[in-house]
């Protein structure tokens, strides 16, 4: 898929004020400091589309970006060690989960995982929750350029083995790097394939 246009639409914490659900959308979420903003910029080819920061947990809102005028990329707040109060973290969790379970045009949740680390409980717990809710998701392993391919493969294999304890079939995964752009085309092509089969849900 060729990205021709990428436009910031809005930031929000209220589900009823999100853009009208008339296009397919794809949520990107992961532990704080997983490299989410950098990857979003890499796959869209826009250096400053999503804000990057040295401080983990910078994203604190649901951010909608309109891509090629026909689908939304949704940047969700990172979970984990964001430097904020317990109340803020609780509020974030509530509106993130509300968005994920109530957004009728959400096609897939891309869960970003740092490929440098062995499976982390916080990532596994979130993925298990997605499975319990029946939400479609895929795994996006980041920062492939930061260590050897062998190490990436080992950590990915361990993560997939952990998921097999809960899931009959483990979802697809991508190994990516915002620096070298590996995996970006594959991820976009997958979104393109899903878009081709998108059917607007009936209004209730």
N, C-alpha and C. Protein backbone atom coordinates (compact mmCIF):
# COMPACT_ATOMS: atom_id res chain seq x y z
N UNK A 1 0.84 -1.20 0.00
CA UNK A 1 0.00 0.00 0.00
C UNK A 1 0.88 1.25 0.00
N UNK A 2 0.56 2.17 -0.88
CA UNK A 2 1.26 3.45 -0.94
C UNK A 2 0.51 4.48 -0.11
N UNK A 3 1.22 5.12 0.81
CA UNK A 3 0.60 6.16 1.63
C UNK A 3 0.72 7.49 0.90
N UNK A 4 -0.42 8.00 0.46
CA UNK A 4 -0.43 9.27 -0.27
C UNK A 4 -0.72 10.45 0.66
N UNK A 5 -1.62 10.23 1.61
CA UNK A 5 -1.95 11.31 2.55
C UNK A 5 -2.08 10.73 3.95
N UNK A 6 -1.68 11.51 4.94
CA UNK A 6 -1.82 11.13 6.35
C UNK A 6 -2.10 12.41 7.13
N UNK A 7 -3.29 12.47 7.70
CA UNK A 7 -3.75 13.72 8.31
C UNK A 7 -4.22 13.49 9.74
N UNK A 8 -3.73 14.30 10.67
CA UNK A 8 -4.23 14.25 12.05
C UNK A 8 -5.65 14.79 12.07
N UNK A 9 -6.56 14.05 12.73
CA UNK A 9 -7.96 14.46 12.79
C UNK A 9 -8.34 14.99 14.16
N UNK A 10 -8.07 14.22 15.20
CA UNK A 10 -8.46 14.69 16.53
C UNK A 10 -7.81 13.86 17.62
N UNK A 11 -7.79 14.44 18.84
CA UNK A 11 -7.38 13.73 20.05
C UNK A 11 -8.58 13.74 21.00
N UNK A 12 -8.76 12.64 21.71
CA UNK A 12 -9.97 12.53 22.51
C UNK A 12 -9.83 11.58 23.68
N UNK A 13 -10.68 11.77 24.67
CA UNK A 13 -10.84 10.78 25.74
C UNK A 13 -12.30 10.36 25.87
N UNK A 14 -13.15 10.91 25.02
CA UNK A 14 -14.58 10.61 25.09
C UNK A 14 -15.02 9.85 23.84
N UNK A 15 -15.57 8.66 24.06
CA UNK A 15 -15.94 7.79 22.95
C UNK A 15 -16.98 8.44 22.05
N UNK A 16 -17.92 9.18 22.64
CA UNK A 16 -19.00 9.77 21.85
C UNK A 16 -18.55 10.98 21.02
N UNK A 17 -17.30 11.39 21.19
CA UNK A 17 -16.80 12.53 20.41
C UNK A 17 -15.76 12.11 19.37
N UNK A 18 -15.61 10.81 19.17
CA UNK A 18 -14.68 10.32 18.15
C UNK A 18 -15.25 10.58 16.76
N UNK A 19 -14.42 10.50 15.72
CA UNK A 19 -14.94 10.68 14.36
C UNK A 19 -16.08 9.70 14.07
N UNK A 20 -16.96 10.10 13.19
CA UNK A 20 -18.07 9.21 12.82
C UNK A 20 -17.51 7.87 12.35
N UNK A 21 -18.07 6.76 12.83
CA UNK A 21 -17.55 5.43 12.46
C UNK A 21 -18.00 5.01 11.06
N UNK A 22 -17.39 5.60 10.06
CA UNK A 22 -17.77 5.29 8.68
C UNK A 22 -16.59 4.80 7.83
N UNK A 23 -15.46 4.50 8.50
CA UNK A 23 -14.28 3.99 7.80
C UNK A 23 -13.61 2.92 8.67
N UNK A 24 -12.92 1.98 8.06
CA UNK A 24 -12.20 0.99 8.87
C UNK A 24 -11.10 1.66 9.67
N UNK A 25 -10.87 1.16 10.88
CA UNK A 25 -9.78 1.74 11.66
C UNK A 25 -8.97 0.66 12.37
N UNK A 26 -7.73 1.03 12.65
CA UNK A 26 -6.75 0.10 13.18
C UNK A 26 -6.05 0.75 14.36
N UNK A 27 -6.12 0.11 15.51
CA UNK A 27 -5.55 0.67 16.73
C UNK A 27 -4.13 0.15 16.95
N UNK A 28 -3.24 1.05 17.33
CA UNK A 28 -1.86 0.69 17.68
C UNK A 28 -1.68 0.96 19.17
N UNK A 29 -1.26 -0.07 19.89
CA UNK A 29 -1.10 0.07 21.33
C UNK A 29 0.05 -0.82 21.79
N UNK A 30 0.69 -0.42 22.88
CA UNK A 30 1.78 -1.22 23.42
C UNK A 30 2.27 -0.62 24.72
N UNK A 31 3.18 -1.33 25.35
CA UNK A 31 3.76 -0.85 26.59
C UNK A 31 4.48 0.47 26.34
N UNK A 32 4.49 1.33 27.32
CA UNK A 32 5.19 2.60 27.19
C UNK A 32 6.64 2.36 26.77
N UNK A 33 7.12 3.20 25.87
CA UNK A 33 8.51 3.14 25.39
C UNK A 33 8.77 1.97 24.44
N UNK A 34 7.71 1.45 23.82
CA UNK A 34 7.88 0.33 22.88
C UNK A 34 8.26 0.82 21.48
N UNK A 35 8.20 2.15 21.26
CA UNK A 35 8.54 2.70 19.95
C UNK A 35 7.34 2.87 19.05
N UNK A 36 6.17 3.06 19.66
CA UNK A 36 4.92 3.15 18.89
C UNK A 36 4.89 4.36 17.97
N UNK A 37 5.18 5.54 18.51
CA UNK A 37 5.12 6.75 17.69
C UNK A 37 6.11 6.69 16.53
N UNK A 38 7.31 6.19 16.80
CA UNK A 38 8.32 6.08 15.75
C UNK A 38 7.86 5.13 14.65
N UNK A 39 7.21 4.03 15.03
CA UNK A 39 6.74 3.07 14.03
C UNK A 39 5.61 3.66 13.21
N UNK A 40 4.69 4.38 13.85
CA UNK A 40 3.60 5.03 13.12
C UNK A 40 4.17 6.00 12.09
N UNK A 41 5.17 6.77 12.49
CA UNK A 41 5.80 7.71 11.55
C UNK A 41 6.49 6.96 10.41
N UNK A 42 7.08 5.81 10.72
CA UNK A 42 7.79 5.04 9.70
C UNK A 42 6.83 4.45 8.67
N UNK A 43 5.72 3.88 9.14
CA UNK A 43 4.82 3.22 8.18
C UNK A 43 4.04 4.24 7.34
N UNK A 44 3.84 5.44 7.87
CA UNK A 44 3.13 6.46 7.10
C UNK A 44 4.08 7.32 6.28
N UNK A 45 5.38 7.20 6.55
CA UNK A 45 6.35 8.02 5.83
C UNK A 45 6.29 9.49 6.21
N UNK A 46 5.77 9.77 7.41
CA UNK A 46 5.66 11.15 7.91
C UNK A 46 6.46 11.25 9.19
N UNK A 47 7.54 11.99 9.16
CA UNK A 47 8.49 12.01 10.27
C UNK A 47 7.88 12.52 11.58
N UNK A 48 6.94 13.44 11.47
CA UNK A 48 6.41 14.05 12.69
C UNK A 48 4.90 13.86 12.85
N UNK A 49 4.33 12.84 12.22
CA UNK A 49 2.88 12.63 12.33
C UNK A 49 2.49 12.33 13.78
N UNK A 50 3.11 11.33 14.36
CA UNK A 50 2.88 11.01 15.77
C UNK A 50 4.03 11.59 16.59
N UNK A 51 3.70 12.15 17.72
CA UNK A 51 4.73 12.79 18.54
C UNK A 51 5.58 11.74 19.25
N UNK A 52 6.90 11.87 19.12
CA UNK A 52 7.81 10.98 19.82
C UNK A 52 8.41 11.72 21.01
N UNK A 53 8.80 10.95 22.02
CA UNK A 53 9.33 11.57 23.23
C UNK A 53 10.29 10.62 23.91
N UNK A 54 11.26 11.18 24.61
CA UNK A 54 12.15 10.36 25.43
C UNK A 54 11.45 9.93 26.73
N UNK A 55 10.34 10.57 27.04
CA UNK A 55 9.60 10.22 28.25
C UNK A 55 8.55 9.16 27.92
N UNK A 56 8.62 8.00 28.56
CA UNK A 56 7.60 6.97 28.33
C UNK A 56 6.22 7.50 28.71
N UNK A 57 5.20 7.04 27.94
CA UNK A 57 3.83 7.41 28.28
C UNK A 57 3.42 8.78 27.82
N UNK A 58 4.07 9.33 26.79
CA UNK A 58 3.75 10.67 26.32
C UNK A 58 2.34 10.73 25.75
N UNK A 59 1.95 9.70 24.99
CA UNK A 59 0.61 9.67 24.42
C UNK A 59 -0.40 9.43 25.53
N UNK A 60 -1.34 10.36 25.72
CA UNK A 60 -2.32 10.22 26.78
C UNK A 60 -3.75 10.36 26.27
N UNK A 61 -3.92 10.38 24.95
CA UNK A 61 -5.23 10.53 24.35
C UNK A 61 -5.41 9.51 23.23
N UNK A 62 -6.65 9.33 22.80
CA UNK A 62 -6.91 8.54 21.60
C UNK A 62 -6.72 9.47 20.41
N UNK A 63 -5.73 9.20 19.58
CA UNK A 63 -5.40 10.06 18.44
C UNK A 63 -5.80 9.39 17.14
N UNK A 64 -6.64 10.06 16.38
CA UNK A 64 -7.09 9.55 15.08
C UNK A 64 -6.33 10.24 13.93
N UNK A 65 -5.79 9.43 13.03
CA UNK A 65 -5.15 9.93 11.81
C UNK A 65 -5.88 9.32 10.61
N UNK A 66 -6.26 10.15 9.66
CA UNK A 66 -6.92 9.68 8.45
C UNK A 66 -5.87 9.40 7.39
N UNK A 67 -5.83 8.16 6.91
CA UNK A 67 -4.82 7.73 5.94
C UNK A 67 -5.48 7.51 4.58
N UNK A 68 -4.90 8.14 3.56
CA UNK A 68 -5.39 8.01 2.17
C UNK A 68 -6.88 8.30 2.04
N UNK A 69 -7.41 9.09 2.96
CA UNK A 69 -8.83 9.47 2.96
C UNK A 69 -9.79 8.31 3.08
N UNK A 70 -9.28 7.11 3.42
CA UNK A 70 -10.22 5.98 3.48
C UNK A 70 -10.07 5.05 4.67
N UNK A 71 -9.10 5.28 5.57
CA UNK A 71 -9.05 4.49 6.79
C UNK A 71 -8.35 5.27 7.90
N UNK A 72 -8.67 4.88 9.13
CA UNK A 72 -8.09 5.57 10.29
C UNK A 72 -7.00 4.72 10.94
N UNK A 73 -5.91 5.37 11.25
CA UNK A 73 -4.89 4.80 12.12
C UNK A 73 -5.10 5.45 13.49
N UNK A 74 -5.24 4.64 14.52
CA UNK A 74 -5.56 5.15 15.84
C UNK A 74 -4.40 4.87 16.80
N UNK A 75 -3.84 5.93 17.32
CA UNK A 75 -2.71 5.86 18.24
C UNK A 75 -3.25 5.92 19.67
N UNK A 76 -3.14 4.79 20.38
CA UNK A 76 -3.68 4.70 21.74
C UNK A 76 -2.58 4.90 22.78
N UNK A 77 -2.95 5.39 23.97
CA UNK A 77 -1.95 5.57 25.04
C UNK A 77 -1.26 4.26 25.39
N UNK A 78 0.03 4.35 25.66
CA UNK A 78 0.79 3.17 26.06
C UNK A 78 0.44 2.75 27.47
N UNK A 79 0.56 1.47 27.74
CA UNK A 79 0.33 0.99 29.10
C UNK A 79 1.69 0.68 29.74
N UNK A 80 1.71 0.62 31.05
CA UNK A 80 2.97 0.29 31.71
C UNK A 80 3.44 1.35 32.66
N UNK A 81 4.68 1.83 32.44
CA UNK A 81 5.28 2.68 33.46
C UNK A 81 5.21 4.17 33.12
N UNK A 82 4.13 4.60 32.49
CA UNK A 82 3.95 6.02 32.22
C UNK A 82 3.98 6.80 33.53
N UNK A 83 4.65 7.94 33.51
CA UNK A 83 4.80 8.73 34.73
C UNK A 83 3.55 9.59 34.94
N UNK A 84 2.60 9.01 35.62
CA UNK A 84 1.37 9.73 35.91
C UNK A 84 0.75 9.13 37.16
N UNK A 85 -0.31 9.73 37.66
CA UNK A 85 -0.93 9.26 38.89
C UNK A 85 -1.70 7.96 38.65
N UNK A 86 -1.97 7.25 39.75
CA UNK A 86 -2.75 6.01 39.65
C UNK A 86 -4.15 6.31 39.11
N UNK A 87 -4.72 7.45 39.51
CA UNK A 87 -6.06 7.81 39.02
C UNK A 87 -6.04 8.02 37.52
N UNK A 88 -5.01 8.73 37.01
CA UNK A 88 -4.92 8.94 35.57
C UNK A 88 -4.78 7.62 34.83
N UNK A 89 -3.94 6.72 35.37
CA UNK A 89 -3.77 5.42 34.73
C UNK A 89 -5.08 4.66 34.69
N UNK A 90 -5.84 4.75 35.79
CA UNK A 90 -7.14 4.07 35.85
C UNK A 90 -8.11 4.66 34.84
N UNK A 91 -8.10 5.99 34.72
CA UNK A 91 -8.98 6.65 33.76
C UNK A 91 -8.60 6.26 32.33
N UNK A 92 -7.30 6.24 32.05
CA UNK A 92 -6.83 5.84 30.72
C UNK A 92 -7.33 4.44 30.40
N UNK A 93 -7.14 3.54 31.37
CA UNK A 93 -7.52 2.15 31.13
C UNK A 93 -8.99 2.04 30.80
N UNK A 94 -9.82 2.79 31.52
CA UNK A 94 -11.27 2.73 31.29
C UNK A 94 -11.62 3.19 29.89
N UNK A 95 -11.07 4.34 29.45
CA UNK A 95 -11.49 4.83 28.14
C UNK A 95 -10.85 4.04 27.00
N UNK A 96 -9.66 3.48 27.23
CA UNK A 96 -9.05 2.63 26.21
C UNK A 96 -9.90 1.38 26.01
N UNK A 97 -10.27 0.75 27.11
CA UNK A 97 -11.07 -0.48 27.01
C UNK A 97 -12.45 -0.18 26.45
N UNK A 98 -13.01 0.97 26.81
CA UNK A 98 -14.31 1.36 26.25
C UNK A 98 -14.20 1.53 24.74
N UNK A 99 -13.12 2.19 24.30
CA UNK A 99 -12.93 2.37 22.86
C UNK A 99 -12.81 1.02 22.16
N UNK A 100 -11.97 0.14 22.69
CA UNK A 100 -11.70 -1.13 22.03
C UNK A 100 -12.95 -2.01 21.95
N UNK A 101 -13.79 -1.97 22.96
CA UNK A 101 -14.96 -2.86 22.97
C UNK A 101 -16.19 -2.25 22.31
N UNK A 102 -16.21 -0.92 22.13
CA UNK A 102 -17.42 -0.27 21.61
C UNK A 102 -17.28 0.31 20.22
N UNK A 103 -16.07 0.38 19.70
CA UNK A 103 -15.86 1.01 18.38
C UNK A 103 -16.21 0.01 17.28
N UNK A 104 -17.34 0.21 16.62
CA UNK A 104 -17.86 -0.78 15.70
C UNK A 104 -17.06 -0.94 14.41
N UNK A 105 -16.27 0.07 14.05
CA UNK A 105 -15.49 -0.03 12.81
C UNK A 105 -14.04 -0.42 13.06
N UNK A 106 -13.70 -0.77 14.29
CA UNK A 106 -12.35 -1.23 14.60
C UNK A 106 -12.12 -2.60 13.96
N UNK A 107 -11.13 -2.69 13.10
CA UNK A 107 -10.88 -3.92 12.36
C UNK A 107 -9.81 -4.79 13.00
N UNK A 108 -8.82 -4.16 13.63
CA UNK A 108 -7.74 -4.94 14.20
C UNK A 108 -6.98 -4.09 15.22
N UNK A 109 -6.52 -4.74 16.28
CA UNK A 109 -5.66 -4.09 17.26
C UNK A 109 -4.24 -4.61 17.02
N UNK A 110 -3.33 -3.71 16.70
CA UNK A 110 -1.93 -4.09 16.54
C UNK A 110 -1.24 -3.86 17.88
N UNK A 111 -0.85 -4.96 18.52
CA UNK A 111 -0.21 -4.90 19.83
C UNK A 111 1.30 -4.87 19.63
N UNK A 112 1.92 -3.77 20.02
CA UNK A 112 3.36 -3.60 19.82
C UNK A 112 4.14 -4.15 21.01
N UNK A 113 5.17 -4.94 20.70
CA UNK A 113 5.96 -5.61 21.72
C UNK A 113 7.44 -5.42 21.38
N UNK A 114 8.23 -5.06 22.36
CA UNK A 114 9.67 -4.84 22.17
C UNK A 114 10.35 -6.18 21.94
N UNK A 115 10.92 -6.36 20.75
CA UNK A 115 11.51 -7.65 20.39
C UNK A 115 12.79 -7.96 21.17
N UNK A 116 13.31 -6.99 21.89
CA UNK A 116 14.56 -7.20 22.64
C UNK A 116 14.33 -7.98 23.93
N UNK A 117 13.07 -8.08 24.35
CA UNK A 117 12.79 -8.68 25.66
C UNK A 117 12.02 -9.99 25.55
N UNK A 118 12.22 -10.84 26.53
CA UNK A 118 11.41 -12.04 26.65
C UNK A 118 9.98 -11.63 27.02
N UNK A 119 9.01 -12.56 26.90
CA UNK A 119 7.62 -12.19 27.18
C UNK A 119 7.44 -11.51 28.52
N UNK A 120 6.73 -10.37 28.50
CA UNK A 120 6.45 -9.60 29.71
C UNK A 120 5.00 -9.84 30.13
N UNK A 121 4.78 -9.98 31.42
CA UNK A 121 3.44 -10.26 31.94
C UNK A 121 2.44 -9.19 31.50
N UNK A 122 2.84 -7.93 31.49
CA UNK A 122 1.91 -6.85 31.15
C UNK A 122 1.41 -6.98 29.71
N UNK A 123 2.29 -7.43 28.79
CA UNK A 123 1.89 -7.64 27.40
C UNK A 123 0.97 -8.85 27.29
N UNK A 124 1.35 -9.94 27.95
CA UNK A 124 0.55 -11.15 27.89
C UNK A 124 -0.84 -10.93 28.47
N UNK A 125 -0.91 -10.21 29.59
CA UNK A 125 -2.21 -9.94 30.21
C UNK A 125 -3.12 -9.16 29.28
N UNK A 126 -2.55 -8.16 28.58
CA UNK A 126 -3.36 -7.36 27.68
C UNK A 126 -3.85 -8.20 26.49
N UNK A 127 -2.98 -9.03 25.96
CA UNK A 127 -3.36 -9.88 24.84
C UNK A 127 -4.43 -10.89 25.26
N UNK A 128 -4.28 -11.44 26.47
CA UNK A 128 -5.30 -12.37 26.97
C UNK A 128 -6.65 -11.67 27.08
N UNK A 129 -6.63 -10.41 27.53
CA UNK A 129 -7.88 -9.65 27.65
C UNK A 129 -8.53 -9.46 26.28
N UNK A 130 -7.72 -9.14 25.27
CA UNK A 130 -8.26 -9.01 23.91
C UNK A 130 -8.93 -10.31 23.47
N UNK A 131 -8.26 -11.42 23.79
CA UNK A 131 -8.83 -12.72 23.43
C UNK A 131 -10.14 -12.99 24.14
N UNK A 132 -10.22 -12.65 25.43
CA UNK A 132 -11.45 -12.86 26.19
C UNK A 132 -12.60 -12.05 25.61
N UNK A 133 -12.29 -10.86 25.09
CA UNK A 133 -13.32 -9.99 24.52
C UNK A 133 -13.61 -10.31 23.05
N UNK A 134 -12.87 -11.24 22.49
CA UNK A 134 -13.09 -11.60 21.10
C UNK A 134 -12.67 -10.53 20.11
N UNK A 135 -11.70 -9.71 20.50
CA UNK A 135 -11.25 -8.62 19.62
C UNK A 135 -10.11 -9.11 18.72
N UNK A 136 -10.19 -8.83 17.43
CA UNK A 136 -9.13 -9.26 16.51
C UNK A 136 -7.85 -8.48 16.76
N UNK A 137 -6.73 -9.19 16.81
CA UNK A 137 -5.46 -8.51 17.04
C UNK A 137 -4.33 -9.24 16.32
N UNK A 138 -3.25 -8.51 16.10
CA UNK A 138 -2.01 -9.06 15.57
C UNK A 138 -0.86 -8.50 16.40
N UNK A 139 0.26 -9.19 16.38
CA UNK A 139 1.43 -8.80 17.16
C UNK A 139 2.44 -8.10 16.28
N UNK A 140 2.95 -6.98 16.76
CA UNK A 140 3.96 -6.23 16.02
C UNK A 140 5.19 -6.09 16.92
N UNK A 141 6.22 -6.84 16.61
CA UNK A 141 7.46 -6.79 17.39
C UNK A 141 8.33 -5.66 16.84
N UNK A 142 8.76 -4.78 17.74
CA UNK A 142 9.47 -3.56 17.34
C UNK A 142 10.96 -3.64 17.64
N UNK A 143 11.68 -2.64 17.13
CA UNK A 143 13.11 -2.43 17.43
C UNK A 143 13.99 -3.59 16.99
N UNK A 144 13.67 -4.16 15.82
CA UNK A 144 14.45 -5.29 15.31
C UNK A 144 15.89 -4.91 15.02
N UNK A 145 16.13 -3.63 14.77
CA UNK A 145 17.49 -3.18 14.44
C UNK A 145 18.39 -3.05 15.66
N UNK A 146 17.81 -3.18 16.85
CA UNK A 146 18.57 -2.94 18.08
C UNK A 146 19.35 -4.15 18.57
N UNK A 147 19.14 -5.31 17.94
CA UNK A 147 19.86 -6.52 18.35
C UNK A 147 19.83 -7.53 17.22
N UNK A 148 20.38 -8.71 17.45
CA UNK A 148 20.52 -9.69 16.38
C UNK A 148 19.19 -10.31 16.00
N UNK A 149 19.12 -10.76 14.74
CA UNK A 149 17.91 -11.43 14.28
C UNK A 149 17.64 -12.71 15.04
N UNK A 150 18.71 -13.38 15.48
CA UNK A 150 18.54 -14.62 16.24
C UNK A 150 17.82 -14.33 17.56
N UNK A 151 18.23 -13.25 18.22
CA UNK A 151 17.59 -12.89 19.49
C UNK A 151 16.12 -12.54 19.29
N UNK A 152 15.82 -11.81 18.22
CA UNK A 152 14.42 -11.49 17.91
C UNK A 152 13.60 -12.77 17.73
N UNK A 153 14.15 -13.67 16.93
CA UNK A 153 13.44 -14.93 16.65
C UNK A 153 13.18 -15.71 17.94
N UNK A 154 14.17 -15.73 18.82
CA UNK A 154 14.01 -16.46 20.08
C UNK A 154 12.92 -15.86 20.94
N UNK A 155 12.91 -14.54 21.06
CA UNK A 155 11.90 -13.88 21.90
C UNK A 155 10.51 -14.00 21.30
N UNK A 156 10.41 -13.90 19.98
CA UNK A 156 9.11 -14.06 19.32
C UNK A 156 8.58 -15.47 19.54
N UNK A 157 9.46 -16.47 19.41
CA UNK A 157 9.06 -17.87 19.61
C UNK A 157 8.57 -18.09 21.04
N UNK A 158 9.24 -17.48 22.02
CA UNK A 158 8.82 -17.61 23.42
C UNK A 158 7.47 -16.97 23.64
N UNK A 159 7.24 -15.82 23.02
CA UNK A 159 5.96 -15.13 23.18
C UNK A 159 4.83 -15.96 22.56
N UNK A 160 5.08 -16.50 21.39
CA UNK A 160 4.05 -17.30 20.72
C UNK A 160 3.76 -18.58 21.51
N UNK A 161 4.80 -19.17 22.10
CA UNK A 161 4.57 -20.37 22.93
C UNK A 161 3.71 -20.03 24.14
N UNK A 162 3.95 -18.85 24.74
CA UNK A 162 3.14 -18.42 25.88
C UNK A 162 1.68 -18.25 25.48
N UNK A 163 1.44 -17.74 24.28
CA UNK A 163 0.06 -17.53 23.83
C UNK A 163 -0.65 -18.85 23.53
N UNK A 164 0.11 -19.85 23.13
CA UNK A 164 -0.50 -21.14 22.79
C UNK A 164 -1.13 -21.82 24.00
N UNK A 165 -0.76 -21.35 25.20
CA UNK A 165 -1.39 -21.89 26.41
C UNK A 165 -2.83 -21.40 26.54
N UNK A 166 -3.15 -20.29 25.84
CA UNK A 166 -4.47 -19.68 25.94
C UNK A 166 -5.26 -19.71 24.64
N UNK A 167 -4.56 -19.68 23.53
CA UNK A 167 -5.23 -19.58 22.22
C UNK A 167 -5.00 -20.84 21.39
N UNK A 168 -6.07 -21.30 20.75
CA UNK A 168 -5.92 -22.45 19.85
C UNK A 168 -5.07 -22.09 18.65
N UNK A 169 -5.24 -20.85 18.19
CA UNK A 169 -4.46 -20.38 17.03
C UNK A 169 -3.86 -19.02 17.38
N UNK A 170 -2.54 -18.91 17.27
CA UNK A 170 -1.85 -17.66 17.59
C UNK A 170 -1.95 -16.72 16.40
N UNK A 171 -2.33 -15.46 16.62
CA UNK A 171 -2.47 -14.51 15.51
C UNK A 171 -1.16 -14.26 14.78
N UNK A 172 -1.28 -13.66 13.62
CA UNK A 172 -0.11 -13.32 12.80
C UNK A 172 0.77 -12.32 13.55
N UNK A 173 2.05 -12.29 13.17
CA UNK A 173 2.96 -11.32 13.78
C UNK A 173 3.86 -10.70 12.72
N UNK A 174 4.40 -9.55 13.05
CA UNK A 174 5.32 -8.81 12.19
C UNK A 174 6.56 -8.46 13.01
N UNK A 175 7.71 -8.53 12.39
CA UNK A 175 8.95 -8.03 13.01
C UNK A 175 9.31 -6.74 12.30
N UNK A 176 9.41 -5.64 13.07
CA UNK A 176 9.55 -4.33 12.44
C UNK A 176 10.71 -3.52 13.03
N UNK A 177 11.08 -2.50 12.29
CA UNK A 177 12.04 -1.51 12.76
C UNK A 177 11.67 -0.17 12.16
N UNK A 178 11.55 0.84 13.00
CA UNK A 178 11.25 2.19 12.50
C UNK A 178 12.48 2.80 11.84
N UNK A 179 13.66 2.26 12.13
CA UNK A 179 14.90 2.77 11.55
C UNK A 179 15.14 2.22 10.15
N UNK A 180 15.05 0.89 10.02
CA UNK A 180 15.36 0.25 8.73
C UNK A 180 14.11 0.05 7.87
N UNK A 181 12.93 0.24 8.49
CA UNK A 181 11.62 0.09 7.82
C UNK A 181 11.25 -1.37 7.53
N UNK A 182 12.01 -2.33 8.04
CA UNK A 182 11.61 -3.72 7.79
C UNK A 182 10.25 -3.96 8.44
N UNK A 183 9.43 -4.76 7.77
CA UNK A 183 8.11 -5.11 8.27
C UNK A 183 7.03 -4.08 8.00
N UNK A 184 7.42 -2.86 7.62
CA UNK A 184 6.42 -1.80 7.42
C UNK A 184 5.52 -2.09 6.22
N UNK A 185 6.11 -2.52 5.11
CA UNK A 185 5.30 -2.82 3.92
C UNK A 185 4.36 -3.99 4.19
N UNK A 186 4.84 -5.01 4.89
CA UNK A 186 4.00 -6.16 5.19
C UNK A 186 2.80 -5.76 6.05
N UNK A 187 3.05 -4.89 7.01
CA UNK A 187 1.97 -4.43 7.88
C UNK A 187 0.93 -3.64 7.08
N UNK A 188 1.41 -2.74 6.24
CA UNK A 188 0.49 -1.94 5.43
C UNK A 188 -0.29 -2.80 4.44
N UNK A 189 0.37 -3.79 3.87
CA UNK A 189 -0.32 -4.67 2.92
C UNK A 189 -1.43 -5.46 3.62
N UNK A 190 -1.19 -5.84 4.86
CA UNK A 190 -2.22 -6.55 5.63
C UNK A 190 -3.42 -5.65 5.87
N UNK A 191 -3.16 -4.40 6.22
CA UNK A 191 -4.25 -3.44 6.39
C UNK A 191 -5.01 -3.27 5.07
N UNK A 192 -4.28 -3.18 3.97
CA UNK A 192 -4.92 -3.04 2.66
C UNK A 192 -5.82 -4.22 2.34
N UNK A 193 -5.37 -5.42 2.68
CA UNK A 193 -6.18 -6.62 2.42
C UNK A 193 -7.46 -6.60 3.25
N UNK A 194 -7.35 -6.18 4.51
CA UNK A 194 -8.55 -6.11 5.36
C UNK A 194 -9.50 -5.04 4.84
N UNK A 195 -8.95 -3.91 4.40
CA UNK A 195 -9.78 -2.83 3.87
C UNK A 195 -10.63 -3.28 2.69
N UNK A 196 -10.08 -4.15 1.87
CA UNK A 196 -10.81 -4.61 0.68
C UNK A 196 -12.10 -5.34 1.05
N UNK A 197 -12.12 -5.95 2.23
CA UNK A 197 -13.29 -6.71 2.65
C UNK A 197 -14.15 -5.97 3.68
N UNK A 198 -13.82 -4.69 3.90
CA UNK A 198 -14.56 -3.93 4.91
C UNK A 198 -15.98 -3.65 4.46
N UNK A 199 -16.91 -3.89 5.38
CA UNK A 199 -18.31 -3.59 5.15
C UNK A 199 -18.78 -2.70 6.31
N UNK A 200 -19.33 -1.55 5.98
CA UNK A 200 -19.79 -0.62 6.99
C UNK A 200 -20.89 -1.27 7.81
N UNK A 201 -20.73 -1.33 9.14
CA UNK A 201 -21.77 -1.94 9.98
C UNK A 201 -23.04 -1.12 9.96
N UNK A 202 -24.19 -1.79 10.06
CA UNK A 202 -25.47 -1.06 10.06
C UNK A 202 -25.60 -0.19 11.29
N UNK A 203 -26.23 0.97 11.12
CA UNK A 203 -26.45 1.84 12.26
C UNK A 203 -27.56 1.28 13.15
N UNK A 204 -27.32 1.38 14.45
CA UNK A 204 -28.30 0.85 15.40
C UNK A 204 -29.34 1.93 15.71
